[in-house]
Amino acid sequence: MGRSAERAATNEARFRQANEQIHEKVIELGAWDGRAPYLCECEDERCTIVVLLAAAEYEDVRSDARRFLVAPGHEDGDTRVVGRHDGFTVIEKMGEEGRLVEELDPRSAT
């Protein structure tokens, strides 16, 4: 398959970083209550799927460095489904990939 935990974690972290920038803009615009477009944070570097969720839903996903939001059906690798919602799924990375995504979490880098 050619998939490595390091490569998957790096791809997911890139999508998460982009979503952090989107989220900052959502908050800046005061769009806390509405649904905003976020990127699917799956490990596929070619994924272009957009999912809609409220800022509070995004914050809930980001409350754990091992959790990611993905489009339905994009669960892959060493993951555990934490929740299924209207239009998106929350997954938690396990094992080596989980450790790596924790290290790459921009909210943990202080």
PDB file of N, CA and C in Angstrom:
ATOM      1  N   MET A   1       0.823  -1.196   0.000  1.00  0.00           N
ATOM      2  CA  MET A   1       0.000   0.000   0.000  1.00  0.00           C
ATOM      3  C   MET A   1       0.869   1.263   0.000  1.00  0.00           C
ATOM      4  N   GLY A   2       2.044   1.221   0.582  1.00  0.00           N
ATOM      5  CA  GLY A   2       2.944   2.350   0.530  1.00  0.00           C
ATOM      6  C   GLY A   2       2.625   3.470   1.493  1.00  0.00           C
ATOM      7  N   ARG A   3       1.691   3.308   2.373  1.00  0.00           N
ATOM      8  CA  ARG A   3       1.282   4.338   3.314  1.00  0.00           C
ATOM      9  C   ARG A   3       2.135   4.229   4.567  1.00  0.00           C
ATOM     10  N   SER A   4       2.718   5.340   4.982  1.00  0.00           N
ATOM     11  CA  SER A   4       3.463   5.330   6.228  1.00  0.00           C
ATOM     12  C   SER A   4       2.743   6.217   7.238  1.00  0.00           C
ATOM     13  N   ALA A   5       2.913   5.903   8.509  1.00  0.00           N
ATOM     14  CA  ALA A   5       2.295   6.705   9.565  1.00  0.00           C
ATOM     15  C   ALA A   5       2.792   8.144   9.492  1.00  0.00           C
ATOM     16  N   GLU A   6       4.065   8.319   9.199  1.00  0.00           N
ATOM     17  CA  GLU A   6       4.633   9.660   9.132  1.00  0.00           C
ATOM     18  C   GLU A   6       4.030  10.477   7.990  1.00  0.00           C
ATOM     19  N   ARG A   7       3.906   9.859   6.825  1.00  0.00           N
ATOM     20  CA  ARG A   7       3.338  10.568   5.672  1.00  0.00           C
ATOM     21  C   ARG A   7       1.863  10.911   5.918  1.00  0.00           C
ATOM     22  N   ALA A   8       1.097   9.960   6.455  1.00  0.00           N
ATOM     23  CA  ALA A   8      -0.317  10.205   6.743  1.00  0.00           C
ATOM     24  C   ALA A   8      -0.462  11.333   7.754  1.00  0.00           C
ATOM     25  N   ALA A   9       0.325  11.299   8.826  1.00  0.00           N
ATOM     26  CA  ALA A   9       0.252  12.332   9.862  1.00  0.00           C
ATOM     27  C   ALA A   9       0.605  13.701   9.303  1.00  0.00           C
ATOM     28  N   THR A  10       1.602  13.752   8.440  1.00  0.00           N
ATOM     29  CA  THR A  10       2.003  15.025   7.833  1.00  0.00           C
ATOM     30  C   THR A  10       0.886  15.587   6.958  1.00  0.00           C
ATOM     31  N   ASN A  11       0.250  14.745   6.156  1.00  0.00           N
ATOM     32  CA  ASN A  11      -0.847  15.199   5.300  1.00  0.00           C
ATOM     33  C   ASN A  11      -2.016  15.705   6.140  1.00  0.00           C
ATOM     34  N   GLU A  12      -2.383  14.949   7.160  1.00  0.00           N
ATOM     35  CA  GLU A  12      -3.498  15.355   8.027  1.00  0.00           C
ATOM     36  C   GLU A  12      -3.179  16.664   8.738  1.00  0.00           C
ATOM     37  N   ALA A  13      -1.946  16.812   9.186  1.00  0.00           N
ATOM     38  CA  ALA A  13      -1.541  18.041   9.878  1.00  0.00           C
ATOM     39  C   ALA A  13      -1.608  19.251   8.947  1.00  0.00           C
ATOM     40  N   ARG A  14      -1.299  19.065   7.677  1.00  0.00           N
ATOM     41  CA  ARG A  14      -1.405  20.172   6.713  1.00  0.00           C
ATOM     42  C   ARG A  14      -2.843  20.640   6.564  1.00  0.00           C
ATOM     43  N   PHE A  15      -3.755  19.687   6.433  1.00  0.00           N
ATOM     44  CA  PHE A  15      -5.175  20.051   6.330  1.00  0.00           C
ATOM     45  C   PHE A  15      -5.646  20.732   7.612  1.00  0.00           C
ATOM     46  N   ARG A  16      -5.193  20.207   8.753  1.00  0.00           N
ATOM     47  CA  ARG A  16      -5.596  20.808  10.031  1.00  0.00           C
ATOM     48  C   ARG A  16      -5.075  22.235  10.135  1.00  0.00           C
ATOM     49  N   GLN A  17      -3.844  22.482   9.696  1.00  0.00           N
ATOM     50  CA  GLN A  17      -3.283  23.829   9.736  1.00  0.00           C
ATOM     51  C   GLN A  17      -4.098  24.777   8.859  1.00  0.00           C
ATOM     52  N   ALA A  18      -4.503  24.317   7.684  1.00  0.00           N
ATOM     53  CA  ALA A  18      -5.353  25.136   6.812  1.00  0.00           C
ATOM     54  C   ALA A  18      -6.680  25.434   7.493  1.00  0.00           C
ATOM     55  N   ASN A  19      -7.254  24.442   8.170  1.00  0.00           N
ATOM     56  CA  ASN A  19      -8.515  24.651   8.877  1.00  0.00           C
ATOM     57  C   ASN A  19      -8.360  25.603  10.056  1.00  0.00           C
ATOM     58  N   GLU A  20      -7.207  25.613  10.681  1.00  0.00           N
ATOM     59  CA  GLU A  20      -6.965  26.578  11.762  1.00  0.00           C
ATOM     60  C   GLU A  20      -7.044  28.002  11.202  1.00  0.00           C
ATOM     61  N   GLN A  21      -6.499  28.214  10.007  1.00  0.00           N
ATOM     62  CA  GLN A  21      -6.560  29.530   9.382  1.00  0.00           C
ATOM     63  C   GLN A  21      -7.990  29.892   8.999  1.00  0.00           C
ATOM     64  N   ILE A  22      -8.717  28.924   8.474  1.00  0.00           N
ATOM     65  CA  ILE A  22     -10.133  29.145   8.149  1.00  0.00           C
ATOM     66  C   ILE A  22     -10.894  29.504   9.422  1.00  0.00           C
ATOM     67  N   HIS A  23     -10.646  28.748  10.484  1.00  0.00           N
ATOM     68  CA  HIS A  23     -11.352  28.969  11.753  1.00  0.00           C
ATOM     69  C   HIS A  23     -11.064  30.365  12.314  1.00  0.00           C
ATOM     70  N   GLU A  24      -9.822  30.804  12.225  1.00  0.00           N
ATOM     71  CA  GLU A  24      -9.485  32.159  12.680  1.00  0.00           C
ATOM     72  C   GLU A  24     -10.308  33.204  11.933  1.00  0.00           C
ATOM     73  N   LYS A  25     -10.468  33.010  10.625  1.00  0.00           N
ATOM     74  CA  LYS A  25     -11.251  33.946   9.817  1.00  0.00           C
ATOM     75  C   LYS A  25     -12.735  33.887  10.196  1.00  0.00           C
ATOM     76  N   VAL A  26     -13.249  32.690  10.449  1.00  0.00           N
ATOM     77  CA  VAL A  26     -14.646  32.529  10.876  1.00  0.00           C
ATOM     78  C   VAL A  26     -14.894  33.330  12.156  1.00  0.00           C
ATOM     79  N   ILE A  27     -13.987  33.204  13.111  1.00  0.00           N
ATOM     80  CA  ILE A  27     -14.123  33.925  14.375  1.00  0.00           C
ATOM     81  C   ILE A  27     -13.983  35.430  14.151  1.00  0.00           C
ATOM     82  N   GLU A  28     -13.015  35.823  13.346  1.00  0.00           N
ATOM     83  CA  GLU A  28     -12.803  37.239  13.041  1.00  0.00           C
ATOM     84  C   GLU A  28     -14.050  37.872  12.425  1.00  0.00           C
ATOM     85  N   LEU A  29     -14.744  37.117  11.576  1.00  0.00           N
ATOM     86  CA  LEU A  29     -15.946  37.631  10.912  1.00  0.00           C
ATOM     87  C   LEU A  29     -17.193  37.520  11.782  1.00  0.00           C
ATOM     88  N   GLY A  30     -17.055  36.931  12.965  1.00  0.00           N
ATOM     89  CA  GLY A  30     -18.195  36.798  13.870  1.00  0.00           C
ATOM     90  C   GLY A  30     -19.212  35.779  13.398  1.00  0.00           C
ATOM     91  N   ALA A  31     -18.773  34.796  12.652  1.00  0.00           N
ATOM     92  CA  ALA A  31     -19.670  33.785  12.092  1.00  0.00           C
ATOM     93  C   ALA A  31     -19.752  32.552  12.986  1.00  0.00           C
ATOM     94  N   TRP A  32     -19.727  32.749  14.283  1.00  0.00           N
ATOM     95  CA  TRP A  32     -19.704  31.656  15.260  1.00  0.00           C
ATOM     96  C   TRP A  32     -20.916  30.731  15.126  1.00  0.00           C
ATOM     97  N   ASP A  33     -22.096  31.280  14.847  1.00  0.00           N
ATOM     98  CA  ASP A  33     -23.329  30.481  14.850  1.00  0.00           C
ATOM     99  C   ASP A  33     -23.610  29.749  13.540  1.00  0.00           C
ATOM    100  N   GLY A  34     -23.107  30.263  12.441  1.00  0.00           N
ATOM    101  CA  GLY A  34     -23.400  29.638  11.150  1.00  0.00           C
ATOM    102  C   GLY A  34     -22.466  28.489  10.840  1.00  0.00           C
ATOM    103  N   ARG A  35     -22.790  27.780   9.778  1.00  0.00           N
ATOM    104  CA  ARG A  35     -21.929  26.687   9.329  1.00  0.00           C
ATOM    105  C   ARG A  35     -20.938  27.258   8.316  1.00  0.00           C
ATOM    106  N   ALA A  36     -19.683  26.901   8.491  1.00  0.00           N
ATOM    107  CA  ALA A  36     -18.618  27.410   7.634  1.00  0.00           C
ATOM    108  C   ALA A  36     -17.932  26.241   6.922  1.00  0.00           C
ATOM    109  N   PRO A  37     -17.282  26.518   5.790  1.00  0.00           N
ATOM    110  CA  PRO A  37     -16.585  25.459   5.051  1.00  0.00           C
ATOM    111  C   PRO A  37     -15.205  25.170   5.644  1.00  0.00           C
ATOM    112  N   TYR A  38     -14.975  23.922   5.956  1.00  0.00           N
ATOM    113  CA  TYR A  38     -13.666  23.445   6.415  1.00  0.00           C
ATOM    114  C   TYR A  38     -13.232  22.326   5.476  1.00  0.00           C
ATOM    115  N   LEU A  39     -11.949  22.062   5.433  1.00  0.00           N
ATOM    116  CA  LEU A  39     -11.406  21.010   4.571  1.00  0.00           C
ATOM    117  C   LEU A  39     -11.458  19.661   5.272  1.00  0.00           C
ATOM    118  N   CYS A  40     -11.734  18.627   4.510  1.00  0.00           N
ATOM    119  CA  CYS A  40     -11.624  17.267   5.028  1.00  0.00           C
ATOM    120  C   CYS A  40     -10.167  17.066   5.439  1.00  0.00           C
ATOM    121  N   GLU A  41      -9.940  16.544   6.637  1.00  0.00           N
ATOM    122  CA  GLU A  41      -8.586  16.369   7.160  1.00  0.00           C
ATOM    123  C   GLU A  41      -8.100  14.921   7.039  1.00  0.00           C
ATOM    124  N   CYS A  42      -8.548  14.242   5.997  1.00  0.00           N
ATOM    125  CA  CYS A  42      -8.113  12.857   5.810  1.00  0.00           C
ATOM    126  C   CYS A  42      -6.656  12.821   5.363  1.00  0.00           C
ATOM    127  N   GLU A  43      -6.105  11.629   5.302  1.00  0.00           N
ATOM    128  CA  GLU A  43      -4.686  11.484   4.974  1.00  0.00           C
ATOM    129  C   GLU A  43      -4.385  11.559   3.478  1.00  0.00           C
ATOM    130  N   ASP A  44      -5.420  11.619   2.634  1.00  0.00           N
ATOM    131  CA  ASP A  44      -5.215  11.685   1.180  1.00  0.00           C
ATOM    132  C   ASP A  44      -4.825  13.103   0.780  1.00  0.00           C
ATOM    133  N   GLU A  45      -3.579  13.281   0.382  1.00  0.00           N
ATOM    134  CA  GLU A  45      -3.075  14.607   0.048  1.00  0.00           C
ATOM    135  C   GLU A  45      -3.796  15.247  -1.132  1.00  0.00           C
ATOM    136  N   ARG A  46      -4.527  14.465  -1.918  1.00  0.00           N
ATOM    137  CA  ARG A  46      -5.268  14.989  -3.071  1.00  0.00           C
ATOM    138  C   ARG A  46      -6.723  15.313  -2.756  1.00  0.00           C
ATOM    139  N   CYS A  47      -7.161  15.071  -1.537  1.00  0.00           N
ATOM    140  CA  CYS A  47      -8.559  15.294  -1.169  1.00  0.00           C
ATOM    141  C   CYS A  47      -8.902  16.781  -1.244  1.00  0.00           C
ATOM    142  N   THR A  48     -10.053  17.070  -1.843  1.00  0.00           N
ATOM    143  CA  THR A  48     -10.511  18.464  -1.959  1.00  0.00           C
ATOM    144  C   THR A  48     -11.933  18.633  -1.426  1.00  0.00           C
ATOM    145  N   ILE A  49     -12.392  17.683  -0.644  1.00  0.00           N
ATOM    146  CA  ILE A  49     -13.770  17.745  -0.141  1.00  0.00           C
ATOM    147  C   ILE A  49     -13.881  18.788   0.965  1.00  0.00           C
ATOM    148  N   VAL A  50     -14.938  19.567   0.890  1.00  0.00           N
ATOM    149  CA  VAL A  50     -15.245  20.585   1.889  1.00  0.00           C
ATOM    150  C   VAL A  50     -16.418  20.088   2.728  1.00  0.00           C
ATOM    151  N   VAL A  51     -16.292  20.247   4.029  1.00  0.00           N
ATOM    152  CA  VAL A  51     -17.379  19.886   4.944  1.00  0.00           C
ATOM    153  C   VAL A  51     -17.828  21.139   5.670  1.00  0.00           C
ATOM    154  N   LEU A  52     -19.114  21.198   5.994  1.00  0.00           N
ATOM    155  CA  LEU A  52     -19.667  22.362   6.680  1.00  0.00           C
ATOM    156  C   LEU A  52     -19.927  22.032   8.139  1.00  0.00           C
ATOM    157  N   LEU A  53     -19.434  22.888   9.017  1.00  0.00           N
ATOM    158  CA  LEU A  53     -19.735  22.727  10.428  1.00  0.00           C
ATOM    159  C   LEU A  53     -19.644  24.070  11.132  1.00  0.00           C
ATOM    160  N   ALA A  54     -20.296  24.156  12.274  1.00  0.00           N
ATOM    161  CA  ALA A  54     -20.290  25.375  13.071  1.00  0.00           C
ATOM    162  C   ALA A  54     -18.954  25.499  13.795  1.00  0.00           C
ATOM    163  N   ALA A  55     -18.595  26.719  14.148  1.00  0.00           N
ATOM    164  CA  ALA A  55     -17.332  26.961  14.847  1.00  0.00           C
ATOM    165  C   ALA A  55     -17.253  26.159  16.138  1.00  0.00           C
ATOM    166  N   ALA A  56     -18.354  26.036  16.846  1.00  0.00           N
ATOM    167  CA  ALA A  56     -18.360  25.254  18.095  1.00  0.00           C
ATOM    168  C   ALA A  56     -18.087  23.778  17.817  1.00  0.00           C
ATOM    169  N   GLU A  57     -18.601  23.268  16.697  1.00  0.00           N
ATOM    170  CA  GLU A  57     -18.327  21.879  16.324  1.00  0.00           C
ATOM    171  C   GLU A  57     -16.842  21.702  16.014  1.00  0.00           C
ATOM    172  N   TYR A  58     -16.262  22.681  15.319  1.00  0.00           N
ATOM    173  CA  TYR A  58     -14.835  22.618  15.013  1.00  0.00           C
ATOM    174  C   TYR A  58     -14.015  22.633  16.306  1.00  0.00           C
ATOM    175  N   GLU A  59     -14.370  23.498  17.227  1.00  0.00           N
ATOM    176  CA  GLU A  59     -13.658  23.561  18.504  1.00  0.00           C
ATOM    177  C   GLU A  59     -13.756  22.236  19.257  1.00  0.00           C
ATOM    178  N   ASP A  60     -14.903  21.590  19.161  1.00  0.00           N
ATOM    179  CA  ASP A  60     -15.081  20.299  19.826  1.00  0.00           C
ATOM    180  C   ASP A  60     -14.112  19.263  19.238  1.00  0.00           C
ATOM    181  N   VAL A  61     -13.983  19.250  17.915  1.00  0.00           N
ATOM    182  CA  VAL A  61     -13.040  18.334  17.271  1.00  0.00           C
ATOM    183  C   VAL A  61     -11.625  18.649  17.742  1.00  0.00           C
ATOM    184  N   ARG A  62     -11.272  19.917  17.774  1.00  0.00           N
ATOM    185  CA  ARG A  62      -9.916  20.346  18.114  1.00  0.00           C
ATOM    186  C   ARG A  62      -9.592  20.237  19.605  1.00  0.00           C
ATOM    187  N   SER A  63     -10.557  19.832  20.421  1.00  0.00           N
ATOM    188  CA  SER A  63     -10.305  19.701  21.863  1.00  0.00           C
ATOM    189  C   SER A  63      -9.331  18.570  22.168  1.00  0.00           C
ATOM    190  N   ASP A  64      -9.043  17.737  21.180  1.00  0.00           N
ATOM    191  CA  ASP A  64      -8.104  16.630  21.342  1.00  0.00           C
ATOM    192  C   ASP A  64      -7.176  16.621  20.132  1.00  0.00           C
ATOM    193  N   ALA A  65      -5.873  16.664  20.367  1.00  0.00           N
ATOM    194  CA  ALA A  65      -4.886  16.755  19.288  1.00  0.00           C
ATOM    195  C   ALA A  65      -4.906  15.550  18.355  1.00  0.00           C
ATOM    196  N   ARG A  66      -5.471  14.439  18.790  1.00  0.00           N
ATOM    197  CA  ARG A  66      -5.518  13.237  17.952  1.00  0.00           C
ATOM    198  C   ARG A  66      -6.792  13.156  17.109  1.00  0.00           C
ATOM    199  N   ARG A  67      -7.672  14.134  17.240  1.00  0.00           N
ATOM    200  CA  ARG A  67      -8.951  14.092  16.518  1.00  0.00           C
ATOM    201  C   ARG A  67      -8.920  14.957  15.269  1.00  0.00           C
ATOM    202  N   PHE A  68      -9.621  14.449  14.250  1.00  0.00           N
ATOM    203  CA  PHE A  68      -9.710  15.125  12.969  1.00  0.00           C
ATOM    204  C   PHE A  68     -11.129  15.051  12.446  1.00  0.00           C
ATOM    205  N   LEU A  69     -11.500  16.026  11.611  1.00  0.00           N
ATOM    206  CA  LEU A  69     -12.789  15.970  10.942  1.00  0.00           C
ATOM    207  C   LEU A  69     -12.556  15.501   9.524  1.00  0.00           C
ATOM    208  N   VAL A  70     -13.368  14.565   9.099  1.00  0.00           N
ATOM    209  CA  VAL A  70     -13.242  14.025   7.740  1.00  0.00           C
ATOM    210  C   VAL A  70     -14.618  13.914   7.111  1.00  0.00           C
ATOM    211  N   ALA A  71     -14.627  13.881   5.799  1.00  0.00           N
ATOM    212  CA  ALA A  71     -15.869  13.645   5.072  1.00  0.00           C
ATOM    213  C   ALA A  71     -16.314  12.210   5.345  1.00  0.00           C
ATOM    214  N   PRO A  72     -17.612  11.963   5.347  1.00  0.00           N
ATOM    215  CA  PRO A  72     -18.083  10.585   5.539  1.00  0.00           C
ATOM    216  C   PRO A  72     -17.431   9.644   4.525  1.00  0.00           C
ATOM    217  N   GLY A  73     -16.944   8.511   5.008  1.00  0.00           N
ATOM    218  CA  GLY A  73     -16.287   7.539   4.153  1.00  0.00           C
ATOM    219  C   GLY A  73     -14.787   7.738   4.022  1.00  0.00           C
ATOM    220  N   HIS A  74     -14.237   8.801   4.613  1.00  0.00           N
ATOM    221  CA  HIS A  74     -12.807   9.073   4.517  1.00  0.00           C
ATOM    222  C   HIS A  74     -12.041   8.582   5.740  1.00  0.00           C
ATOM    223  N   GLU A  75     -12.677   7.753   6.552  1.00  0.00           N
ATOM    224  CA  GLU A  75     -11.983   7.153   7.683  1.00  0.00           C
ATOM    225  C   GLU A  75     -10.990   6.151   7.112  1.00  0.00           C
ATOM    226  N   ASP A  76      -9.741   6.224   7.548  1.00  0.00           N
ATOM    227  CA  ASP A  76      -8.730   5.342   6.990  1.00  0.00           C
ATOM    228  C   ASP A  76      -7.592   5.205   7.988  1.00  0.00           C
ATOM    229  N   GLY A  77      -6.758   4.229   7.749  1.00  0.00           N
ATOM    230  CA  GLY A  77      -5.581   4.057   8.579  1.00  0.00           C
ATOM    231  C   GLY A  77      -5.920   3.579   9.978  1.00  0.00           C
ATOM    232  N   ASP A  78      -5.085   3.960  10.907  1.00  0.00           N
ATOM    233  CA  ASP A  78      -5.203   3.536  12.294  1.00  0.00           C
ATOM    234  C   ASP A  78      -6.074   4.531  13.054  1.00  0.00           C
ATOM    235  N   THR A  79      -7.400   4.464  12.825  1.00  0.00           N
ATOM    236  CA  THR A  79      -8.315   5.433  13.421  1.00  0.00           C
ATOM    237  C   THR A  79      -9.455   4.755  14.167  1.00  0.00           C
ATOM    238  N   ARG A  80     -10.066   5.561  15.017  1.00  0.00           N
ATOM    239  CA  ARG A  80     -11.283   5.154  15.720  1.00  0.00           C
ATOM    240  C   ARG A  80     -12.315   6.243  15.450  1.00  0.00           C
ATOM    241  N   VAL A  81     -13.516   5.863  15.049  1.00  0.00           N
ATOM    242  CA  VAL A  81     -14.579   6.844  14.824  1.00  0.00           C
ATOM    243  C   VAL A  81     -15.104   7.293  16.184  1.00  0.00           C
ATOM    244  N   VAL A  82     -15.046   8.592  16.412  1.00  0.00           N
ATOM    245  CA  VAL A  82     -15.500   9.181  17.671  1.00  0.00           C
ATOM    246  C   VAL A  82     -16.948   9.637  17.553  1.00  0.00           C
ATOM    247  N   GLY A  83     -17.327  10.123  16.369  1.00  0.00           N
ATOM    248  CA  GLY A  83     -18.693  10.586  16.169  1.00  0.00           C
ATOM    249  C   GLY A  83     -19.027  10.783  14.705  1.00  0.00           C
ATOM    250  N   ARG A  84     -20.279  10.541  14.383  1.00  0.00           N
ATOM    251  CA  ARG A  84     -20.779  10.785  13.026  1.00  0.00           C
ATOM    252  C   ARG A  84     -21.810  11.898  13.127  1.00  0.00           C
ATOM    253  N   HIS A  85     -21.647  12.905  12.297  1.00  0.00           N
ATOM    254  CA  HIS A  85     -22.519  14.078  12.328  1.00  0.00           C
ATOM    255  C   HIS A  85     -23.070  14.318  10.929  1.00  0.00           C
ATOM    256  N   ASP A  86     -23.944  15.280  10.809  1.00  0.00           N
ATOM    257  CA  ASP A  86     -24.534  15.625   9.527  1.00  0.00           C
ATOM    258  C   ASP A  86     -23.454  16.218   8.623  1.00  0.00           C
ATOM    259  N   GLY A  87     -22.910  15.420   7.724  1.00  0.00           N
ATOM    260  CA  GLY A  87     -21.942  15.902   6.751  1.00  0.00           C
ATOM    261  C   GLY A  87     -20.482  15.702   7.101  1.00  0.00           C
ATOM    262  N   PHE A  88     -20.176  15.249   8.304  1.00  0.00           N
ATOM    263  CA  PHE A  88     -18.777  14.997   8.643  1.00  0.00           C
ATOM    264  C   PHE A  88     -18.667  13.945   9.740  1.00  0.00           C
ATOM    265  N   THR A  89     -17.484  13.356   9.832  1.00  0.00           N
ATOM    266  CA  THR A  89     -17.182  12.332  10.827  1.00  0.00           C
ATOM    267  C   THR A  89     -15.973  12.791  11.626  1.00  0.00           C
ATOM    268  N   VAL A  90     -15.969  12.507  12.912  1.00  0.00           N
ATOM    269  CA  VAL A  90     -14.814  12.811  13.753  1.00  0.00           C
ATOM    270  C   VAL A  90     -14.082  11.502  14.018  1.00  0.00           C
ATOM    271  N   ILE A  91     -12.777  11.520  13.699  1.00  0.00           N
ATOM    272  CA  ILE A  91     -11.958  10.332  13.929  1.00  0.00           C
ATOM    273  C   ILE A  91     -10.850  10.669  14.923  1.00  0.00           C
ATOM    274  N   GLU A  92     -10.349   9.629  15.559  1.00  0.00           N
ATOM    275  CA  GLU A  92      -9.212   9.782  16.465  1.00  0.00           C
ATOM    276  C   GLU A  92      -8.092   8.871  15.982  1.00  0.00           C
ATOM    277  N   LYS A  93      -6.918   9.436  15.821  1.00  0.00           N
ATOM    278  CA  LYS A  93      -5.756   8.678  15.372  1.00  0.00           C
ATOM    279  C   LYS A  93      -5.192   7.878  16.532  1.00  0.00           C
ATOM    280  N   MET A  94      -4.792   6.647  16.238  1.00  0.00           N
ATOM    281  CA  MET A  94      -4.285   5.752  17.267  1.00  0.00           C
ATOM    282  C   MET A  94      -2.825   5.401  16.954  1.00  0.00           C
ATOM    283  N   GLY A  95      -2.172   4.723  17.849  1.00  0.00           N
ATOM    284  CA  GLY A  95      -0.839   4.185  17.615  1.00  0.00           C
ATOM    285  C   GLY A  95       0.200   5.232  17.267  1.00  0.00           C
ATOM    286  N   GLU A  96       1.138   4.844  16.415  1.00  0.00           N
ATOM    287  CA  GLU A  96       2.238   5.723  16.007  1.00  0.00           C
ATOM    288  C   GLU A  96       1.726   6.985  15.326  1.00  0.00           C
ATOM    289  N   GLU A  97       0.721   6.839  14.494  1.00  0.00           N
ATOM    290  CA  GLU A  97       0.158   8.001  13.803  1.00  0.00           C
ATOM    291  C   GLU A  97      -0.449   8.983  14.806  1.00  0.00           C
ATOM    292  N   GLY A  98      -1.104   8.466  15.831  1.00  0.00           N
ATOM    293  CA  GLY A  98      -1.660   9.318  16.878  1.00  0.00           C
ATOM    294  C   GLY A  98      -0.585  10.111  17.591  1.00  0.00           C
ATOM    295  N   ARG A  99       0.525   9.461  17.893  1.00  0.00           N
ATOM    296  CA  ARG A  99       1.630  10.144  18.561  1.00  0.00           C
ATOM    297  C   ARG A  99       2.192  11.252  17.663  1.00  0.00           C
ATOM    298  N   LEU A 100       2.339  10.949  16.388  1.00  0.00           N
ATOM    299  CA  LEU A 100       2.892  11.923  15.449  1.00  0.00           C
ATOM    300  C   LEU A 100       1.986  13.139  15.274  1.00  0.00           C
ATOM    301  N   VAL A 101       0.679  12.924  15.156  1.00  0.00           N
ATOM    302  CA  VAL A 101      -0.217  14.078  14.955  1.00  0.00           C
ATOM    303  C   VAL A 101      -0.274  14.949  16.204  1.00  0.00           C
ATOM    304  N   GLU A 102      -0.103  14.348  17.362  1.00  0.00           N
ATOM    305  CA  GLU A 102      -0.023  15.154  18.591  1.00  0.00           C
ATOM    306  C   GLU A 102       1.180  16.090  18.531  1.00  0.00           C
ATOM    307  N   GLU A 103       2.309  15.575  18.076  1.00  0.00           N
ATOM    308  CA  GLU A 103       3.523  16.386  17.964  1.00  0.00           C
ATOM    309  C   GLU A 103       3.370  17.510  16.941  1.00  0.00           C
ATOM    310  N   LEU A 104       2.570  17.277  15.911  1.00  0.00           N
ATOM    311  CA  LEU A 104       2.379  18.258  14.836  1.00  0.00           C
ATOM    312  C   LEU A 104       1.232  19.230  15.093  1.00  0.00           C
ATOM    313  N   ASP A 105       0.539  19.086  16.214  1.00  0.00           N
ATOM    314  CA  ASP A 105      -0.616  19.938  16.521  1.00  0.00           C
ATOM    315  C   ASP A 105      -0.175  21.369  16.793  1.00  0.00           C
ATOM    316  N   PRO A 106      -0.634  22.349  15.994  1.00  0.00           N
ATOM    317  CA  PRO A 106      -0.211  23.727  16.202  1.00  0.00           C
ATOM    318  C   PRO A 106      -0.686  24.305  17.541  1.00  0.00           C
ATOM    319  N   ARG A 107      -1.739  23.773  18.104  1.00  0.00           N
ATOM    320  CA  ARG A 107      -2.222  24.274  19.389  1.00  0.00           C
ATOM    321  C   ARG A 107      -1.398  23.739  20.553  1.00  0.00           C
ATOM    322  N   SER A 108      -0.610  22.701  20.306  1.00  0.00           N
ATOM    323  CA  SER A 108       0.248  22.142  21.354  1.00  0.00           C
ATOM    324  C   SER A 108       1.638  22.773  21.344  1.00  0.00           C
ATOM    325  N   ALA A 109       1.988  23.422  20.262  1.00  0.00           N
ATOM    326  CA  ALA A 109       3.332  23.976  20.096  1.00  0.00           C
ATOM    327  C   ALA A 109       3.456  25.317  20.837  1.00  0.00           C
ATOM    328  N   THR A 110       3.781  25.220  22.098  1.00  0.00           N
ATOM    329  CA  THR A 110       3.981  26.455  22.871  1.00  0.00           C
ATOM    330  C   THR A 110       5.314  26.450  23.548  1.00  0.00           C
TER     331      THR A 110
END
